[in-house]
Amino acid sequence: MLQPAAASRVRVFLRTTGGRLALGVADDGRGFDSQWTGRLWPSQASLGIVGMRERAELLHGRLRIFSRPACGTLVCARLPLA
């Protein structure tokens, strides 16, 4: 199970490019091995990550998570505007 980020700063961005909406949240927290999230069955992963990924897919989009221990985390969703 993932632990809280312990972040002191969080940045949020929202922009449109090429007919798609990009929404991102980046923090300077403790981070984690983001490869871990892609290797787990939904029943084993954090429900928050599973829920975000499912919602992005329902909107025909994609969710990506970039993180490393001690380096913070970036969660980015790209969704079609049409």
PDB file of N, CA and C in Angstrom:
ATOM      1  N   MET A   1       0.839  -1.183   0.000  1.00  0.00           N
ATOM      2  CA  MET A   1       0.000   0.000   0.000  1.00  0.00           C
ATOM      3  C   MET A   1       0.882   1.244   0.000  1.00  0.00           C
ATOM      4  N   LEU A   2       0.498   2.230  -0.777  1.00  0.00           N
ATOM      5  CA  LEU A   2       1.256   3.467  -0.862  1.00  0.00           C
ATOM      6  C   LEU A   2       1.031   4.317   0.378  1.00  0.00           C
ATOM      7  N   GLN A   3       2.061   5.025   0.783  1.00  0.00           N
ATOM      8  CA  GLN A   3       1.998   5.916   1.941  1.00  0.00           C
ATOM      9  C   GLN A   3       1.767   7.344   1.469  1.00  0.00           C
ATOM     10  N   PRO A   4       1.318   8.238   2.381  1.00  0.00           N
ATOM     11  CA  PRO A   4       1.134   9.641   2.002  1.00  0.00           C
ATOM     12  C   PRO A   4       2.429  10.242   1.455  1.00  0.00           C
ATOM     13  N   ALA A   5       2.290  11.229   0.605  1.00  0.00           N
ATOM     14  CA  ALA A   5       3.430  11.803  -0.107  1.00  0.00           C
ATOM     15  C   ALA A   5       4.356  12.634   0.777  1.00  0.00           C
ATOM     16  N   ALA A   6       3.841  13.225   1.842  1.00  0.00           N
ATOM     17  CA  ALA A   6       4.621  14.129   2.693  1.00  0.00           C
ATOM     18  C   ALA A   6       5.210  15.273   1.866  1.00  0.00           C
ATOM     19  N   ALA A   7       4.427  15.800   0.947  1.00  0.00           N
ATOM     20  CA  ALA A   7       4.880  16.879   0.068  1.00  0.00           C
ATOM     21  C   ALA A   7       4.766  18.229   0.760  1.00  0.00           C
ATOM     22  N   SER A   8       5.685  19.129   0.426  1.00  0.00           N
ATOM     23  CA  SER A   8       5.580  20.502   0.919  1.00  0.00           C
ATOM     24  C   SER A   8       5.046  21.437  -0.168  1.00  0.00           C
ATOM     25  N   ARG A   9       5.165  21.030  -1.439  1.00  0.00           N
ATOM     26  CA  ARG A   9       4.641  21.827  -2.550  1.00  0.00           C
ATOM     27  C   ARG A   9       3.951  20.915  -3.557  1.00  0.00           C
ATOM     28  N   VAL A  10       2.863  21.438  -4.138  1.00  0.00           N
ATOM     29  CA  VAL A  10       2.124  20.721  -5.177  1.00  0.00           C
ATOM     30  C   VAL A  10       1.837  21.712  -6.296  1.00  0.00           C
ATOM     31  N   ARG A  11       2.067  21.289  -7.534  1.00  0.00           N
ATOM     32  CA  ARG A  11       1.744  22.109  -8.703  1.00  0.00           C
ATOM     33  C   ARG A  11       0.657  21.398  -9.496  1.00  0.00           C
ATOM     34  N   VAL A  12      -0.288  22.167 -10.002  1.00  0.00           N
ATOM     35  CA  VAL A  12      -1.372  21.637 -10.835  1.00  0.00           C
ATOM     36  C   VAL A  12      -1.325  22.371 -12.161  1.00  0.00           C
ATOM     37  N   PHE A  13      -1.433  21.618 -13.256  1.00  0.00           N
ATOM     38  CA  PHE A  13      -1.503  22.287 -14.558  1.00  0.00           C
ATOM     39  C   PHE A  13      -2.652  21.715 -15.365  1.00  0.00           C
ATOM     40  N   LEU A  14      -3.175  22.565 -16.225  1.00  0.00           N
ATOM     41  CA  LEU A  14      -4.281  22.203 -17.107  1.00  0.00           C
ATOM     42  C   LEU A  14      -4.039  22.941 -18.411  1.00  0.00           C
ATOM     43  N   ARG A  15      -4.003  22.188 -19.517  1.00  0.00           N
ATOM     44  CA  ARG A  15      -3.800  22.834 -20.813  1.00  0.00           C
ATOM     45  C   ARG A  15      -4.417  21.971 -21.913  1.00  0.00           C
ATOM     46  N   THR A  16      -4.612  22.597 -23.058  1.00  0.00           N
ATOM     47  CA  THR A  16      -5.113  21.875 -24.222  1.00  0.00           C
ATOM     48  C   THR A  16      -4.060  21.912 -25.310  1.00  0.00           C
ATOM     49  N   THR A  17      -3.870  20.781 -25.961  1.00  0.00           N
ATOM     50  CA  THR A  17      -2.964  20.689 -27.100  1.00  0.00           C
ATOM     51  C   THR A  17      -3.483  19.617 -28.037  1.00  0.00           C
ATOM     52  N   GLY A  18      -3.536  19.938 -29.305  1.00  0.00           N
ATOM     53  CA  GLY A  18      -3.909  18.954 -30.313  1.00  0.00           C
ATOM     54  C   GLY A  18      -5.230  18.244 -30.071  1.00  0.00           C
ATOM     55  N   GLY A  19      -6.247  18.977 -29.600  1.00  0.00           N
ATOM     56  CA  GLY A  19      -7.551  18.372 -29.385  1.00  0.00           C
ATOM     57  C   GLY A  19      -7.645  17.511 -28.127  1.00  0.00           C
ATOM     58  N   ARG A  20      -6.668  17.644 -27.268  1.00  0.00           N
ATOM     59  CA  ARG A  20      -6.658  16.870 -26.027  1.00  0.00           C
ATOM     60  C   ARG A  20      -6.466  17.798 -24.830  1.00  0.00           C
ATOM     61  N   LEU A  21      -7.007  17.376 -23.711  1.00  0.00           N
ATOM     62  CA  LEU A  21      -6.846  18.084 -22.451  1.00  0.00           C
ATOM     63  C   LEU A  21      -5.790  17.356 -21.635  1.00  0.00           C
ATOM     64  N   ALA A  22      -4.833  18.095 -21.123  1.00  0.00           N
ATOM     65  CA  ALA A  22      -3.811  17.514 -20.254  1.00  0.00           C
ATOM     66  C   ALA A  22      -3.989  18.103 -18.863  1.00  0.00           C
ATOM     67  N   LEU A  23      -4.116  17.243 -17.890  1.00  0.00           N
ATOM     68  CA  LEU A  23      -4.257  17.642 -16.501  1.00  0.00           C
ATOM     69  C   LEU A  23      -3.160  16.944 -15.720  1.00  0.00           C
ATOM     70  N   GLY A  24      -2.409  17.702 -14.967  1.00  0.00           N
ATOM     71  CA  GLY A  24      -1.310  17.105 -14.213  1.00  0.00           C
ATOM     72  C   GLY A  24      -1.223  17.641 -12.804  1.00  0.00           C
ATOM     73  N   VAL A  25      -0.735  16.801 -11.918  1.00  0.00           N
ATOM     74  CA  VAL A  25      -0.475  17.181 -10.538  1.00  0.00           C
ATOM     75  C   VAL A  25       0.920  16.663 -10.203  1.00  0.00           C
ATOM     76  N   ALA A  26       1.792  17.566  -9.764  1.00  0.00           N
ATOM     77  CA  ALA A  26       3.163  17.197  -9.423  1.00  0.00           C
ATOM     78  C   ALA A  26       3.438  17.620  -7.986  1.00  0.00           C
ATOM     79  N   ASP A  27       4.146  16.778  -7.244  1.00  0.00           N
ATOM     80  CA  ASP A  27       4.509  17.148  -5.880  1.00  0.00           C
ATOM     81  C   ASP A  27       5.991  16.893  -5.642  1.00  0.00           C
ATOM     82  N   ASP A  28       6.484  17.426  -4.543  1.00  0.00           N
ATOM     83  CA  ASP A  28       7.881  17.232  -4.166  1.00  0.00           C
ATOM     84  C   ASP A  28       8.000  16.268  -2.981  1.00  0.00           C
ATOM     85  N   GLY A  29       7.062  15.356  -2.900  1.00  0.00           N
ATOM     86  CA  GLY A  29       7.009  14.426  -1.773  1.00  0.00           C
ATOM     87  C   GLY A  29       7.997  13.288  -1.864  1.00  0.00           C
ATOM     88  N   ARG A  30       7.732  12.265  -1.068  1.00  0.00           N
ATOM     89  CA  ARG A  30       8.691  11.159  -0.942  1.00  0.00           C
ATOM     90  C   ARG A  30       8.748  10.271  -2.177  1.00  0.00           C
ATOM     91  N   GLY A  31       7.742  10.308  -3.037  1.00  0.00           N
ATOM     92  CA  GLY A  31       7.762   9.495  -4.253  1.00  0.00           C
ATOM     93  C   GLY A  31       7.690   8.005  -3.954  1.00  0.00           C
ATOM     94  N   PHE A  32       7.708   7.216  -5.002  1.00  0.00           N
ATOM     95  CA  PHE A  32       7.656   5.764  -4.895  1.00  0.00           C
ATOM     96  C   PHE A  32       8.106   5.179  -6.223  1.00  0.00           C
ATOM     97  N   ASP A  33       8.267   3.898  -6.273  1.00  0.00           N
ATOM     98  CA  ASP A  33       8.653   3.225  -7.518  1.00  0.00           C
ATOM     99  C   ASP A  33       7.419   3.128  -8.396  1.00  0.00           C
ATOM    100  N   SER A  34       7.291   4.019  -9.388  1.00  0.00           N
ATOM    101  CA  SER A  34       6.088   4.044 -10.219  1.00  0.00           C
ATOM    102  C   SER A  34       5.966   2.804 -11.096  1.00  0.00           C
ATOM    103  N   GLN A  35       7.038   2.060 -11.315  1.00  0.00           N
ATOM    104  CA  GLN A  35       6.938   0.794 -12.048  1.00  0.00           C
ATOM    105  C   GLN A  35       6.082  -0.196 -11.274  1.00  0.00           C
ATOM    106  N   TRP A  36       6.049  -0.045  -9.974  1.00  0.00           N
ATOM    107  CA  TRP A  36       5.262  -0.918  -9.094  1.00  0.00           C
ATOM    108  C   TRP A  36       3.782  -0.875  -9.461  1.00  0.00           C
ATOM    109  N   THR A  37       3.244   0.296  -9.808  1.00  0.00           N
ATOM    110  CA  THR A  37       1.808   0.423 -10.074  1.00  0.00           C
ATOM    111  C   THR A  37       1.391  -0.307 -11.334  1.00  0.00           C
ATOM    112  N   GLY A  38       2.266  -0.460 -12.303  1.00  0.00           N
ATOM    113  CA  GLY A  38       1.913  -1.128 -13.545  1.00  0.00           C
ATOM    114  C   GLY A  38       1.971  -2.638 -13.475  1.00  0.00           C
ATOM    115  N   ARG A  39       2.588  -3.179 -12.436  1.00  0.00           N
ATOM    116  CA  ARG A  39       2.733  -4.625 -12.338  1.00  0.00           C
ATOM    117  C   ARG A  39       1.682  -5.293 -11.467  1.00  0.00           C
ATOM    118  N   LEU A  40       0.814  -4.495 -10.836  1.00  0.00           N
ATOM    119  CA  LEU A  40      -0.148  -5.057  -9.905  1.00  0.00           C
ATOM    120  C   LEU A  40      -1.513  -5.255 -10.549  1.00  0.00           C
ATOM    121  N   TRP A  41      -2.199  -6.284 -10.109  1.00  0.00           N
ATOM    122  CA  TRP A  41      -3.602  -6.446 -10.476  1.00  0.00           C
ATOM    123  C   TRP A  41      -4.384  -5.367  -9.738  1.00  0.00           C
ATOM    124  N   PRO A  42      -5.525  -4.933 -10.271  1.00  0.00           N
ATOM    125  CA  PRO A  42      -6.298  -3.881  -9.605  1.00  0.00           C
ATOM    126  C   PRO A  42      -6.594  -4.192  -8.135  1.00  0.00           C
ATOM    127  N   SER A  43      -6.797  -5.446  -7.789  1.00  0.00           N
ATOM    128  CA  SER A  43      -7.113  -5.782  -6.396  1.00  0.00           C
ATOM    129  C   SER A  43      -5.928  -5.560  -5.475  1.00  0.00           C
ATOM    130  N   GLN A  44      -4.718  -5.435  -6.012  1.00  0.00           N
ATOM    131  CA  GLN A  44      -3.524  -5.258  -5.195  1.00  0.00           C
ATOM    132  C   GLN A  44      -3.052  -3.809  -5.138  1.00  0.00           C
ATOM    133  N   ALA A  45      -3.472  -2.994  -6.057  1.00  0.00           N
ATOM    134  CA  ALA A  45      -2.977  -1.622  -6.145  1.00  0.00           C
ATOM    135  C   ALA A  45      -3.803  -0.694  -5.264  1.00  0.00           C
ATOM    136  N   SER A  46      -3.289   0.498  -5.085  1.00  0.00           N
ATOM    137  CA  SER A  46      -4.019   1.519  -4.356  1.00  0.00           C
ATOM    138  C   SER A  46      -5.333   1.807  -5.081  1.00  0.00           C
ATOM    139  N   LEU A  47      -6.424   1.868  -4.335  1.00  0.00           N
ATOM    140  CA  LEU A  47      -7.718   2.139  -4.968  1.00  0.00           C
ATOM    141  C   LEU A  47      -7.740   3.521  -5.616  1.00  0.00           C
ATOM    142  N   GLY A  48      -6.996   4.464  -5.083  1.00  0.00           N
ATOM    143  CA  GLY A  48      -6.945   5.791  -5.693  1.00  0.00           C
ATOM    144  C   GLY A  48      -6.352   5.749  -7.085  1.00  0.00           C
ATOM    145  N   ILE A  49      -5.250   5.029  -7.243  1.00  0.00           N
ATOM    146  CA  ILE A  49      -4.613   4.911  -8.554  1.00  0.00           C
ATOM    147  C   ILE A  49      -5.502   4.133  -9.504  1.00  0.00           C
ATOM    148  N   VAL A  50      -6.073   3.049  -9.049  1.00  0.00           N
ATOM    149  CA  VAL A  50      -6.967   2.255  -9.888  1.00  0.00           C
ATOM    150  C   VAL A  50      -8.159   3.108 -10.334  1.00  0.00           C
ATOM    151  N   GLY A  51      -8.751   3.863  -9.414  1.00  0.00           N
ATOM    152  CA  GLY A  51      -9.903   4.699  -9.745  1.00  0.00           C
ATOM    153  C   GLY A  51      -9.568   5.784 -10.747  1.00  0.00           C
ATOM    154  N   MET A  52      -8.412   6.435 -10.579  1.00  0.00           N
ATOM    155  CA  MET A  52      -8.005   7.470 -11.534  1.00  0.00           C
ATOM    156  C   MET A  52      -7.794   6.869 -12.915  1.00  0.00           C
ATOM    157  N   ARG A  53      -7.136   5.715 -12.965  1.00  0.00           N
ATOM    158  CA  ARG A  53      -6.871   5.065 -14.251  1.00  0.00           C
ATOM    159  C   ARG A  53      -8.194   4.661 -14.925  1.00  0.00           C
ATOM    160  N   GLU A  54      -9.124   4.086 -14.166  1.00  0.00           N
ATOM    161  CA  GLU A  54     -10.417   3.679 -14.732  1.00  0.00           C
ATOM    162  C   GLU A  54     -11.196   4.870 -15.266  1.00  0.00           C
ATOM    163  N   ARG A  55     -11.197   5.976 -14.535  1.00  0.00           N
ATOM    164  CA  ARG A  55     -11.924   7.163 -14.998  1.00  0.00           C
ATOM    165  C   ARG A  55     -11.323   7.726 -16.278  1.00  0.00           C
ATOM    166  N   ALA A  56     -10.019   7.765 -16.363  1.00  0.00           N
ATOM    167  CA  ALA A  56      -9.373   8.237 -17.590  1.00  0.00           C
ATOM    168  C   ALA A  56      -9.754   7.343 -18.767  1.00  0.00           C
ATOM    169  N   GLU A  57      -9.727   6.028 -18.563  1.00  0.00           N
ATOM    170  CA  GLU A  57     -10.068   5.093 -19.640  1.00  0.00           C
ATOM    171  C   GLU A  57     -11.532   5.209 -20.041  1.00  0.00           C
ATOM    172  N   LEU A  58     -12.432   5.450 -19.079  1.00  0.00           N
ATOM    173  CA  LEU A  58     -13.847   5.635 -19.405  1.00  0.00           C
ATOM    174  C   LEU A  58     -14.064   6.848 -20.309  1.00  0.00           C
ATOM    175  N   LEU A  59     -13.180   7.829 -20.191  1.00  0.00           N
ATOM    176  CA  LEU A  59     -13.259   9.029 -21.023  1.00  0.00           C
ATOM    177  C   LEU A  59     -12.378   8.915 -22.264  1.00  0.00           C
ATOM    178  N   HIS A  60     -11.938   7.690 -22.586  1.00  0.00           N
ATOM    179  CA  HIS A  60     -11.083   7.394 -23.730  1.00  0.00           C
ATOM    180  C   HIS A  60      -9.738   8.118 -23.629  1.00  0.00           C
ATOM    181  N   GLY A  61      -9.274   8.274 -22.402  1.00  0.00           N
ATOM    182  CA  GLY A  61      -8.005   8.936 -22.163  1.00  0.00           C
ATOM    183  C   GLY A  61      -6.983   7.983 -21.575  1.00  0.00           C
ATOM    184  N   ARG A  62      -5.959   8.589 -21.022  1.00  0.00           N
ATOM    185  CA  ARG A  62      -4.833   7.810 -20.504  1.00  0.00           C
ATOM    186  C   ARG A  62      -4.296   8.485 -19.251  1.00  0.00           C
ATOM    187  N   LEU A  63      -3.940   7.691 -18.276  1.00  0.00           N
ATOM    188  CA  LEU A  63      -3.326   8.192 -17.056  1.00  0.00           C
ATOM    189  C   LEU A  63      -1.918   7.643 -16.965  1.00  0.00           C
ATOM    190  N   ARG A  64      -0.960   8.524 -16.681  1.00  0.00           N
ATOM    191  CA  ARG A  64       0.429   8.086 -16.505  1.00  0.00           C
ATOM    192  C   ARG A  64       0.933   8.620 -15.174  1.00  0.00           C
ATOM    193  N   ILE A  65       1.744   7.821 -14.526  1.00  0.00           N
ATOM    194  CA  ILE A  65       2.315   8.198 -13.241  1.00  0.00           C
ATOM    195  C   ILE A  65       3.826   8.067 -13.347  1.00  0.00           C
ATOM    196  N   PHE A  66       4.515   9.146 -12.981  1.00  0.00           N
ATOM    197  CA  PHE A  66       5.976   9.167 -12.988  1.00  0.00           C
ATOM    198  C   PHE A  66       6.424   9.472 -11.562  1.00  0.00           C
ATOM    199  N   SER A  67       7.241   8.612 -11.004  1.00  0.00           N
ATOM    200  CA  SER A  67       7.708   8.831  -9.650  1.00  0.00           C
ATOM    201  C   SER A  67       8.963   8.013  -9.396  1.00  0.00           C
ATOM    202  N   ARG A  68       9.762   8.487  -8.451  1.00  0.00           N
ATOM    203  CA  ARG A  68      10.926   7.753  -7.962  1.00  0.00           C
ATOM    204  C   ARG A  68      11.041   8.042  -6.475  1.00  0.00           C
ATOM    205  N   PRO A  69      11.502   7.089  -5.709  1.00  0.00           N
ATOM    206  CA  PRO A  69      11.675   7.349  -4.278  1.00  0.00           C
ATOM    207  C   PRO A  69      12.529   8.599  -4.044  1.00  0.00           C
ATOM    208  N   ALA A  70      12.063   9.445  -3.141  1.00  0.00           N
ATOM    209  CA  ALA A  70      12.725  10.691  -2.739  1.00  0.00           C
ATOM    210  C   ALA A  70      12.733  11.761  -3.825  1.00  0.00           C
ATOM    211  N   CYS A  71      11.975  11.587  -4.902  1.00  0.00           N
ATOM    212  CA  CYS A  71      11.992  12.554  -6.012  1.00  0.00           C
ATOM    213  C   CYS A  71      10.619  13.100  -6.365  1.00  0.00           C
ATOM    214  N   GLY A  72       9.601  12.852  -5.595  1.00  0.00           N
ATOM    215  CA  GLY A  72       8.279  13.372  -5.896  1.00  0.00           C
ATOM    216  C   GLY A  72       7.537  12.541  -6.935  1.00  0.00           C
ATOM    217  N   THR A  73       6.353  13.027  -7.283  1.00  0.00           N
ATOM    218  CA  THR A  73       5.463  12.279  -8.183  1.00  0.00           C
ATOM    219  C   THR A  73       4.773  13.236  -9.143  1.00  0.00           C
ATOM    220  N   LEU A  74       4.566  12.779 -10.375  1.00  0.00           N
ATOM    221  CA  LEU A  74       3.753  13.487 -11.364  1.00  0.00           C
ATOM    222  C   LEU A  74       2.674  12.531 -11.843  1.00  0.00           C
ATOM    223  N   VAL A  75       1.432  12.958 -11.705  1.00  0.00           N
ATOM    224  CA  VAL A  75       0.291  12.201 -12.228  1.00  0.00           C
ATOM    225  C   VAL A  75      -0.268  13.035 -13.365  1.00  0.00           C
ATOM    226  N   CYS A  76      -0.371  12.450 -14.551  1.00  0.00           N
ATOM    227  CA  CYS A  76      -0.810  13.188 -15.730  1.00  0.00           C
ATOM    228  C   CYS A  76      -1.926  12.425 -16.436  1.00  0.00           C
ATOM    229  N   ALA A  77      -3.026  13.108 -16.670  1.00  0.00           N
ATOM    230  CA  ALA A  77      -4.144  12.532 -17.422  1.00  0.00           C
ATOM    231  C   ALA A  77      -4.257  13.290 -18.740  1.00  0.00           C
ATOM    232  N   ARG A  78      -4.407  12.552 -19.813  1.00  0.00           N
ATOM    233  CA  ARG A  78      -4.646  13.151 -21.138  1.00  0.00           C
ATOM    234  C   ARG A  78      -5.977  12.614 -21.627  1.00  0.00           C
ATOM    235  N   LEU A  79      -6.865  13.545 -21.969  1.00  0.00           N
ATOM    236  CA  LEU A  79      -8.235  13.184 -22.349  1.00  0.00           C
ATOM    237  C   LEU A  79      -8.606  13.880 -23.656  1.00  0.00           C
ATOM    238  N   PRO A  80      -9.345  13.186 -24.524  1.00  0.00           N
ATOM    239  CA  PRO A  80      -9.793  13.839 -25.754  1.00  0.00           C
ATOM    240  C   PRO A  80     -10.849  14.908 -25.438  1.00  0.00           C
ATOM    241  N   LEU A  81     -10.808  15.987 -26.177  1.00  0.00           N
ATOM    242  CA  LEU A  81     -11.797  17.059 -25.981  1.00  0.00           C
ATOM    243  C   LEU A  81     -13.102  16.786 -26.716  1.00  0.00           C
ATOM    244  N   ALA A  82     -13.040  16.038 -27.799  1.00  0.00           N
ATOM    245  CA  ALA A  82     -14.251  15.799 -28.595  1.00  0.00           C
ATOM    246  C   ALA A  82     -15.195  14.849 -27.909  1.00  0.00           C
TER     247      ALA A  82
END
